[in-house]
Structure formats: structure tokens, C-alpha cells
C-alpha atoms as a PDB file:
ATOM      1  CA  MET A   1     163.163-145.053  69.507  1.00  0.00           C
ATOM      2  CA  GLN A   2     166.045-146.574  71.464  1.00  0.00           C
ATOM      3  CA  GLU A   3     168.992-144.229  71.902  1.00  0.00           C
ATOM      4  CA  LYS A   4     172.222-145.435  70.286  1.00  0.00           C
ATOM      5  CA  GLN A   5     174.811-146.486  72.851  1.00  0.00           C
ATOM      6  CA  VAL A   6     178.018-144.513  72.492  1.00  0.00           C
ATOM      7  CA  ASP A   7     181.293-146.387  72.970  1.00  0.00           C
ATOM      8  CA  TRP A   8     183.663-145.057  75.640  1.00  0.00           C
ATOM      9  CA  PHE A   9     186.272-144.003  73.091  1.00  0.00           C
ATOM     10  CA  GLU A  10     183.809-141.826  71.164  1.00  0.00           C
ATOM     11  CA  ASN A  11     183.052-139.767  74.293  1.00  0.00           C
ATOM     12  CA  TRP A  12     186.610-139.643  75.583  1.00  0.00           C
ATOM     13  CA  PHE A  13     188.610-139.059  72.400  1.00  0.00           C
ATOM     14  CA  ASP A  14     186.350-136.217  71.275  1.00  0.00           C
ATOM     15  CA  SER A  15     186.453-134.467  74.658  1.00  0.00           C
ATOM     16  CA  PRO A  16     188.801-131.478  75.115  1.00  0.00           C
ATOM     17  CA  TYR A  17     190.328-133.201  78.144  1.00  0.00           C
ATOM     18  CA  TYR A  18     191.815-136.119  76.222  1.00  0.00           C
ATOM     19  CA  SER A  19     194.461-134.055  74.419  1.00  0.00           C
ATOM     20  CA  ILE A  20     195.259-132.159  77.628  1.00  0.00           C
ATOM     21  CA  LEU A  21     195.870-135.319  79.662  1.00  0.00           C
ATOM     22  CA  TYR A  22     198.078-136.853  76.973  1.00  0.00           C
ATOM     23  CA  LYS A  23     199.869-133.720  75.807  1.00  0.00           C
ATOM     24  CA  HIS A  24     203.202-135.286  76.844  1.00  0.00           C
ATOM     25  CA  ARG A  25     203.019-137.564  73.808  1.00  0.00           C
ATOM     26  CA  ASN A  26     205.596-135.689  71.806  1.00  0.00           C
ATOM     27  CA  MET A  27     206.822-135.525  68.238  1.00  0.00           C
ATOM     28  CA  ASP A  28     210.391-136.509  69.200  1.00  0.00           C
ATOM     29  CA  GLU A  29     209.235-139.945  70.357  1.00  0.00           C
ATOM     30  CA  ALA A  30     207.191-140.423  67.192  1.00  0.00           C
ATOM     31  CA  LYS A  31     210.093-139.283  65.016  1.00  0.00           C
ATOM     32  CA  GLU A  32     212.578-141.690  66.601  1.00  0.00           C
ATOM     33  CA  PHE A  33     210.218-144.668  66.401  1.00  0.00           C
ATOM     34  CA  VAL A  34     209.310-143.984  62.764  1.00  0.00           C
ATOM     35  CA  GLU A  35     212.982-143.592  61.829  1.00  0.00           C
ATOM     36  CA  ASN A  36     213.792-146.951  63.443  1.00  0.00           C
ATOM     37  CA  LEU A  37     210.899-148.636  61.640  1.00  0.00           C
ATOM     38  CA  ILE A  38     211.872-147.150  58.279  1.00  0.00           C
ATOM     39  CA  ALA A  39     215.475-148.317  58.761  1.00  0.00           C
ATOM     40  CA  TYR A  40     214.181-151.845  59.441  1.00  0.00           C
ATOM     41  CA  LEU A  41     211.429-152.011  56.795  1.00  0.00           C
ATOM     42  CA  ARG A  42     213.271-150.081  54.060  1.00  0.00           C
ATOM     43  CA  PRO A  43     210.122-149.147  52.134  1.00  0.00           C
ATOM     44  CA  PRO A  44     210.620-147.645  48.642  1.00  0.00           C
ATOM     45  CA  LEU A  45     210.023-143.904  48.315  1.00  0.00           C
ATOM     46  CA  GLY A  46     206.444-143.154  47.362  1.00  0.00           C
ATOM     47  CA  SER A  47     205.082-146.234  49.145  1.00  0.00           C
ATOM     48  CA  LYS A  48     201.419-145.906  50.100  1.00  0.00           C
ATOM     49  CA  MET A  49     200.951-146.036  53.875  1.00  0.00           C
ATOM     50  CA  ALA A  50     197.950-146.131  56.216  1.00  0.00           C
ATOM     51  CA  ASP A  51     198.087-144.814  59.776  1.00  0.00           C
ATOM     52  CA  ILE A  52     195.073-146.478  61.397  1.00  0.00           C
ATOM     53  CA  ALA A  53     193.737-144.716  64.524  1.00  0.00           C
ATOM     54  CA  CYS A  54     196.121-141.842  63.799  1.00  0.00           C
ATOM     55  CA  GLY A  55     194.890-139.403  66.458  1.00  0.00           C
ATOM     56  CA  GLU A  56     196.130-135.915  65.600  1.00  0.00           C
ATOM     57  CA  GLY A  57     198.602-137.395  63.128  1.00  0.00           C
ATOM     58  CA  ARG A  58     201.989-137.180  64.846  1.00  0.00           C
ATOM     59  CA  HIS A  59     203.188-140.482  63.339  1.00  0.00           C
ATOM     60  CA  SER A  60     201.517-139.795  59.976  1.00  0.00           C
ATOM     61  CA  ARG A  61     203.451-136.557  59.657  1.00  0.00           C
ATOM     62  CA  GLN A  62     206.732-138.324  60.354  1.00  0.00           C
ATOM     63  CA  LEU A  63     205.988-141.002  57.753  1.00  0.00           C
ATOM     64  CA  GLU A  64     205.158-138.363  55.143  1.00  0.00           C
ATOM     65  CA  ALA A  65     208.377-136.490  55.946  1.00  0.00           C
ATOM     66  CA  HIS A  66     210.309-139.590  54.836  1.00  0.00           C
ATOM     67  CA  GLY A  67     208.839-139.403  51.338  1.00  0.00           C
ATOM     68  CA  PHE A  68     205.778-141.625  51.621  1.00  0.00           C
ATOM     69  CA  ASP A  69     202.153-141.149  50.549  1.00  0.00           C
ATOM     70  CA  VAL A  70     200.188-141.328  53.824  1.00  0.00           C
ATOM     71  CA  ILE A  71     196.496-141.536  54.725  1.00  0.00           C
ATOM     72  CA  GLY A  72     195.595-141.262  58.408  1.00  0.00           C
ATOM     73  CA  THR A  73     192.212-142.305  59.763  1.00  0.00           C
ATOM     74  CA  ASP A  74     190.630-141.992  63.188  1.00  0.00           C
ATOM     75  CA  LEU A  75     187.154-142.247  64.695  1.00  0.00           C
ATOM     76  CA  SER A  76     187.557-138.941  66.530  1.00  0.00           C
ATOM     77  CA  ASN A  77     186.222-135.904  64.690  1.00  0.00           C
ATOM     78  CA  GLU A  78     188.211-133.590  66.959  1.00  0.00           C
ATOM     79  CA  SER A  79     191.497-135.406  66.363  1.00  0.00           C
ATOM     80  CA  ILE A  80     191.016-135.394  62.598  1.00  0.00           C
ATOM     81  CA  LYS A  81     190.100-131.709  62.704  1.00  0.00           C
ATOM     82  CA  GLN A  82     193.502-131.021  64.263  1.00  0.00           C
ATOM     83  CA  ALA A  83     195.323-133.415  61.932  1.00  0.00           C
ATOM     84  CA  LYS A  84     193.870-131.797  58.808  1.00  0.00           C
ATOM     85  CA  LYS A  85     195.874-128.652  59.529  1.00  0.00           C
ATOM     86  CA  TYR A  86     198.912-130.571  58.256  1.00  0.00           C
ATOM     87  CA  GLU A  87     197.422-132.032  55.073  1.00  0.00           C
ATOM     88  CA  SER A  88     199.330-131.891  51.800  1.00  0.00           C
ATOM     89  CA  ASP A  89     199.359-133.649  48.434  1.00  0.00           C
ATOM     90  CA  THR A  90     200.931-136.675  50.128  1.00  0.00           C
ATOM     91  CA  LEU A  91     199.219-136.522  53.531  1.00  0.00           C
ATOM     92  CA  GLN A  92     195.460-136.791  54.047  1.00  0.00           C
ATOM     93  CA  PHE A  93     193.216-137.475  57.026  1.00  0.00           C
ATOM     94  CA  PHE A  94     189.708-138.903  57.284  1.00  0.00           C
ATOM     95  CA  VAL A  95     187.233-139.802  60.024  1.00  0.00           C
ATOM     96  CA  HIS A  96     186.809-143.564  59.854  1.00  0.00           C
ATOM     97  CA  ASP A  97     185.971-146.555  62.073  1.00  0.00           C
ATOM     98  CA  MET A  98     188.788-149.113  61.948  1.00  0.00           C
ATOM     99  CA  ARG A  99     186.261-151.946  61.831  1.00  0.00           C
ATOM    100  CA  SER A 100     185.121-150.878  58.359  1.00  0.00           C
ATOM    101  CA  CYS A 101     187.090-151.511  55.192  1.00  0.00           C
ATOM    102  CA  MET A 102     188.446-148.657  53.099  1.00  0.00           C
ATOM    103  CA  TYR A 103     190.921-148.503  50.192  1.00  0.00           C
ATOM    104  CA  ALA A 104     190.883-152.261  49.663  1.00  0.00           C
ATOM    105  CA  ASN A 105     194.201-153.737  48.435  1.00  0.00           C
ATOM    106  CA  TYR A 106     195.646-150.219  48.233  1.00  0.00           C
ATOM    107  CA  PHE A 107     198.408-149.804  50.802  1.00  0.00           C
ATOM    108  CA  ASP A 108     201.950-151.159  50.832  1.00  0.00           C
ATOM    109  CA  TYR A 109     202.235-150.596  54.595  1.00  0.00           C
ATOM    110  CA  ALA A 110     199.784-150.034  57.434  1.00  0.00           C
ATOM    111  CA  PHE A 111     200.552-148.906  60.967  1.00  0.00           C
ATOM    112  CA  ASN A 112     198.602-148.981  64.207  1.00  0.00           C
ATOM    113  CA  PHE A 113     200.590-147.007  66.773  1.00  0.00           C
ATOM    114  CA  PHE A 114     200.532-146.566  70.544  1.00  0.00           C
ATOM    115  CA  THR A 115     198.013-149.202  71.701  1.00  0.00           C
ATOM    116  CA  SER A 116     195.240-148.052  69.371  1.00  0.00           C
ATOM    117  CA  PHE A 117     193.721-151.534  69.121  1.00  0.00           C
ATOM    118  CA  GLY A 118     191.916-153.550  71.793  1.00  0.00           C
ATOM    119  CA  TYR A 119     189.226-150.938  72.477  1.00  0.00           C
ATOM    120  CA  PHE A 120     186.202-153.135  71.844  1.00  0.00           C
ATOM    121  CA  GLU A 121     184.145-155.276  74.197  1.00  0.00           C
ATOM    122  CA  THR A 122     183.846-158.347  71.973  1.00  0.00           C
ATOM    123  CA  LEU A 123     186.306-160.589  70.165  1.00  0.00           C
ATOM    124  CA  HIS A 124     184.056-160.294  67.109  1.00  0.00           C
ATOM    125  CA  ASP A 125     184.699-156.548  66.874  1.00  0.00           C
ATOM    126  CA  HIS A 126     188.447-157.058  67.206  1.00  0.00           C
ATOM    127  CA  GLU A 127     188.332-159.677  64.464  1.00  0.00           C
ATOM    128  CA  MET A 128     186.360-157.254  62.278  1.00  0.00           C
ATOM    129  CA  ALA A 129     189.072-154.655  62.785  1.00  0.00           C
ATOM    130  CA  ALA A 130     191.814-157.180  61.957  1.00  0.00           C
ATOM    131  CA  ARG A 131     190.051-158.156  58.714  1.00  0.00           C
ATOM    132  CA  SER A 132     189.706-154.476  57.870  1.00  0.00           C
ATOM    133  CA  PHE A 133     193.423-153.902  58.485  1.00  0.00           C
ATOM    134  CA  ALA A 134     194.316-156.849  56.242  1.00  0.00           C
ATOM    135  CA  SER A 135     191.912-155.835  53.478  1.00  0.00           C
ATOM    136  CA  ARG A 136     193.655-152.472  53.046  1.00  0.00           C
ATOM    137  CA  LEU A 137     196.988-154.080  52.220  1.00  0.00           C
ATOM    138  CA  LYS A 138     198.209-155.264  48.867  1.00  0.00           C
ATOM    139  CA  LYS A 139     199.385-158.875  48.713  1.00  0.00           C
ATOM    140  CA  GLY A 140     202.793-158.904  50.383  1.00  0.00           C
ATOM    141  CA  GLY A 141     201.921-155.725  52.301  1.00  0.00           C
ATOM    142  CA  ILE A 142     203.181-155.117  55.836  1.00  0.00           C
ATOM    143  CA  LEU A 143     201.199-154.274  58.989  1.00  0.00           C
ATOM    144  CA  VAL A 144     202.944-152.895  62.083  1.00  0.00           C
ATOM    145  CA  ILE A 145     201.079-152.958  65.405  1.00  0.00           C
ATOM    146  CA  ASP A 146     202.517-151.182  68.455  1.00  0.00           C
ATOM    147  CA  TYR A 147     200.804-152.434  71.620  1.00  0.00           C
ATOM    148  CA  LEU A 148     201.326-152.488  75.352  1.00  0.00           C
ATOM    149  CA  ASN A 149     203.047-155.568  76.796  1.00  0.00           C
ATOM    150  CA  LYS A 150     200.585-157.153  79.225  1.00  0.00           C
ATOM    151  CA  GLU A 151     202.977-158.494  81.860  1.00  0.00           C
ATOM    152  CA  LYS A 152     205.120-155.371  81.978  1.00  0.00           C
ATOM    153  CA  SER A 153     202.033-153.138  82.128  1.00  0.00           C
ATOM    154  CA  LEU A 154     200.591-155.235  84.927  1.00  0.00           C
ATOM    155  CA  SER A 155     203.804-155.002  86.956  1.00  0.00           C
ATOM    156  CA  GLN A 156     203.751-151.195  86.620  1.00  0.00           C
ATOM    157  CA  LEU A 157     200.030-150.755  87.239  1.00  0.00           C
ATOM    158  CA  LYS A 158     199.452-147.827  89.596  1.00  0.00           C
ATOM    159  CA  ALA A 159     196.052-148.153  91.248  1.00  0.00           C
ATOM    160  CA  GLU A 160     195.582-144.439  91.966  1.00  0.00           C
ATOM    161  CA  ASP A 161     197.125-141.320  90.484  1.00  0.00           C
ATOM    162  CA  THR A 162     196.457-137.586  90.298  1.00  0.00           C
ATOM    163  CA  ILE A 163     197.673-135.387  87.452  1.00  0.00           C
ATOM    164  CA  GLU A 164     197.397-131.602  87.172  1.00  0.00           C
ATOM    165  CA  ARG A 165     197.486-130.033  83.732  1.00  0.00           C
ATOM    166  CA  GLU A 166     196.466-126.514  82.707  1.00  0.00           C
ATOM    167  CA  GLY A 167     194.510-126.002  85.925  1.00  0.00           C
ATOM    168  CA  ILE A 168     192.560-129.224  85.434  1.00  0.00           C
ATOM    169  CA  THR A 169     192.787-132.140  87.882  1.00  0.00           C
ATOM    170  CA  PHE A 170     192.680-135.704  86.577  1.00  0.00           C
ATOM    171  CA  SER A 171     192.022-138.283  89.307  1.00  0.00           C
ATOM    172  CA  ILE A 172     192.831-141.662  87.780  1.00  0.00           C
ATOM    173  CA  SER A 173     192.267-145.209  88.993  1.00  0.00           C
ATOM    174  CA  LYS A 174     193.484-148.300  87.134  1.00  0.00           C
ATOM    175  CA  LYS A 175     192.819-152.027  87.376  1.00  0.00           C
ATOM    176  CA  LEU A 176     192.806-155.251  85.388  1.00  0.00           C
ATOM    177  CA  GLU A 177     189.253-156.569  85.136  1.00  0.00           C
ATOM    178  CA  ASN A 178     187.668-159.177  82.868  1.00  0.00           C
ATOM    179  CA  GLY A 179     190.708-159.272  80.617  1.00  0.00           C
ATOM    180  CA  HIS A 180     190.869-155.499  80.138  1.00  0.00           C
ATOM    181  CA  PHE A 181     193.005-152.747  81.581  1.00  0.00           C
ATOM    182  CA  ILE A 182     190.405-150.304  82.917  1.00  0.00           C
ATOM    183  CA  LYS A 183     191.214-146.677  83.626  1.00  0.00           C
ATOM    184  CA  HIS A 184     188.598-144.476  85.343  1.00  0.00           C
ATOM    185  CA  ILE A 185     189.228-140.764  84.899  1.00  0.00           C
ATOM    186  CA  LYS A 186     187.560-138.117  87.069  1.00  0.00           C
ATOM    187  CA  VAL A 187     188.090-134.653  85.606  1.00  0.00           C
ATOM    188  CA  THR A 188     187.743-131.584  87.831  1.00  0.00           C
ATOM    189  CA  ASP A 189     187.730-128.515  85.597  1.00  0.00           C
ATOM    190  CA  LYS A 190     188.945-125.030  86.492  1.00  0.00           C
ATOM    191  CA  ASP A 191     185.416-123.982  87.449  1.00  0.00           C
ATOM    192  CA  GLY A 192     184.957-127.017  89.705  1.00  0.00           C
ATOM    193  CA  ALA A 193     182.775-128.906  87.223  1.00  0.00           C
ATOM    194  CA  ILE A 194     183.279-132.685  87.424  1.00  0.00           C
ATOM    195  CA  LYS A 195     183.118-135.107  84.515  1.00  0.00           C
ATOM    196  CA  HIS A 196     183.785-138.826  84.331  1.00  0.00           C
ATOM    197  CA  PHE A 197     185.406-140.852  81.548  1.00  0.00           C
ATOM    198  CA  HIS A 198     187.003-144.248  81.258  1.00  0.00           C
ATOM    199  CA  GLU A 199     189.315-146.249  79.039  1.00  0.00           C
ATOM    200  CA  SER A 200     189.179-149.986  78.419  1.00  0.00           C
ATOM    201  CA  VAL A 201     191.989-151.771  76.565  1.00  0.00           C
ATOM    202  CA  ALA A 202     192.138-155.534  76.101  1.00  0.00           C
ATOM    203  CA  ALA A 203     195.055-157.187  77.888  1.00  0.00           C
ATOM    204  CA  PHE A 204     196.006-159.124  74.774  1.00  0.00           C
ATOM    205  CA  THR A 205     199.068-161.364  74.706  1.00  0.00           C
ATOM    206  CA  LEU A 206     201.148-162.177  71.640  1.00  0.00           C
ATOM    207  CA  GLU A 207     199.198-165.429  71.321  1.00  0.00           C
ATOM    208  CA  ASP A 208     195.925-163.458  71.251  1.00  0.00           C
ATOM    209  CA  PHE A 209     197.218-161.310  68.386  1.00  0.00           C
ATOM    210  CA  LEU A 210     198.373-164.385  66.501  1.00  0.00           C
ATOM    211  CA  HIS A 211     194.902-165.912  66.806  1.00  0.00           C
ATOM    212  CA  ILE A 212     193.102-162.738  65.697  1.00  0.00           C
ATOM    213  CA  PHE A 213     195.370-161.732  62.815  1.00  0.00           C
ATOM    214  CA  GLN A 214     196.093-165.176  61.413  1.00  0.00           C
ATOM    215  CA  LYS A 215     192.338-165.546  60.933  1.00  0.00           C
ATOM    216  CA  ALA A 216     192.507-162.306  58.936  1.00  0.00           C
ATOM    217  CA  GLY A 217     195.133-163.793  56.616  1.00  0.00           C
ATOM    218  CA  LEU A 218     198.252-162.179  58.083  1.00  0.00           C
ATOM    219  CA  THR A 219     201.482-163.899  59.164  1.00  0.00           C
ATOM    220  CA  LEU A 220     203.690-162.672  62.009  1.00  0.00           C
ATOM    221  CA  VAL A 221     207.259-162.190  60.745  1.00  0.00           C
ATOM    222  CA  GLU A 222     208.929-160.320  63.632  1.00  0.00           C
ATOM    223  CA  THR A 223     208.303-159.018  67.143  1.00  0.00           C
ATOM    224  CA  PHE A 224     210.173-156.226  68.946  1.00  0.00           C
ATOM    225  CA  GLY A 225     210.036-155.060  72.555  1.00  0.00           C
ATOM    226  CA  ASP A 226     210.532-151.299  72.394  1.00  0.00           C
ATOM    227  CA  TYR A 227     210.810-148.294  70.092  1.00  0.00           C
ATOM    228  CA  HIS A 228     214.509-149.014  69.522  1.00  0.00           C
ATOM    229  CA  LEU A 229     213.466-152.397  68.092  1.00  0.00           C
ATOM    230  CA  HIS A 230     215.231-154.482  70.695  1.00  0.00           C
ATOM    231  CA  PRO A 231     214.183-158.151  70.962  1.00  0.00           C
ATOM    232  CA  TYR A 232     210.801-158.847  72.564  1.00  0.00           C
ATOM    233  CA  ASP A 233     210.739-160.232  76.098  1.00  0.00           C
ATOM    234  CA  PRO A 234     207.199-161.183  77.243  1.00  0.00           C
ATOM    235  CA  ILE A 235     208.010-160.229  80.841  1.00  0.00           C
ATOM    236  CA  ALA A 236     210.357-157.257  80.650  1.00  0.00           C
ATOM    237  CA  SER A 237     209.678-155.456  77.353  1.00  0.00           C
ATOM    238  CA  PRO A 238     207.743-152.179  77.660  1.00  0.00           C
ATOM    239  CA  ARG A 239     206.060-152.638  74.258  1.00  0.00           C
ATOM    240  CA  MET A 240     204.919-155.442  71.950  1.00  0.00           C
ATOM    241  CA  ILE A 241     205.649-154.338  68.382  1.00  0.00           C
ATOM    242  CA  MET A 242     204.441-156.879  65.838  1.00  0.00           C
ATOM    243  CA  ILE A 243     205.269-157.026  62.123  1.00  0.00           C
ATOM    244  CA  PHE A 244     202.689-158.924  60.051  1.00  0.00           C
ATOM    245  CA  LYS A 245     202.743-159.723  56.344  1.00  0.00           C
ATOM    246  CA  LYS A 246     199.809-160.371  54.004  1.00  0.00           C
END
């Protein structure tokens, strides 16, 4: 029997090293961004919200704190295990692949934070994910996607880097290859053991997102360039934050 190929994100996101490398992703940043989004969107209290690819739930928790009914989903068992520590009557977490539909026509709002799209090798898989995102929303529902800005990311691309955290050394190399930002991560553990991981994120432009999500039945209504919701500049903006409507 042929062994099932495991996608890079399944290995990496479930490893103990992932949360150590990215431990600087803090709640203050998530809180400020969510507050800015809520001020712009003005969702009614009790609105049903999906946090797709929620990780350990830092944005989900902020959404719930504003009085919304939130369901966070992520492919990583380890991330959801951590997120479930914060569950309540209005905050739940489930392991789920974003390419598969769940809670059809259920949510008023859906969010996909911190470049948690673009992980797949094929356009078909990205289109499957977009259709899944759209299917979760009620008619008139809103989808917010927070993604890297290709040109700005390319201008700041650091080919080699070394990071030390908790006695662990992360030797990182980055490049743009075949339309993807590729990050190779060599982990040297405290005992000298070496492990290798990588990340691959599609270098999508705004036009790419329009193509993918319009096919899924969503219309772009606004684009912002950072977490303060300043106007989007395709060259200078650090982020590409897109607001779609079903």
C-alpha cells in the first residue's frame, strides 16, 4: 500500500518547534487588529463568526471577547489542543481542513488571519478552499483575509537568518521560487539533534485573489494595507487585507 504523502504544514504546524519559533506573535497585536476590524465592520452583538486556520486561537479569543459567537478551526491537532483550553459557550474549536465545507450558510462573518491561505501546491486546492470559505457564509456575509503583500515581502526578503529561542537554534533560508515564498528551517535542538522543516506560501497578488474568490461567488468590497486599516499600496503596504462579500 502506498504511503500517504503528508503536506508540509501538517508536519510543521504539529511540531513543538513551530510555536517556539513564532512565540513573538502576541495577543496585543491580535487585540488591536480585531478592534480595528470591529470598528470598521460594526457587526451586531451575537453575530456568528468563523476563524479559519485559527492556530491556537489568539484572534478567536479577541472576537469572542467583543460579544460574538465564534468557531475556530485549524488542521493542526496540537494547535487546537491548546486553543480548547479557552473554550466557552460562545467559543469553540475544531480540527478541520479549510478545503472542506462545514456549517454551510451559517456564519455572518469569516476571518482568515495572518497569511493562513496560500499553503497548497495547486490552484485547484486554493479554489477548493475559497469555495469552502464562501459556503460557510450566509448570503450577504463578510469574509476578511489578511495576507502578506507580495512586493513588500519580496523587498524585505532576508536570504539567511539565525534565531535562538529557548536553547533551540533555527537556521532559516528564504527565497521566491515557482511563485511561492519558500522558507527552509533547520532546527538544532538542545541535545544537538537536527530536524528539517519548510514553509511554502503562494506569492499571490490582489489580482490572484480576485480571480480565485470571484469564482467562489464573493465580491471584493475593500482592501487595506495594514492592521490600522490604512489604504492599500501594492508596493509599500506591509499587509494585504481584503474584505469580500457574498
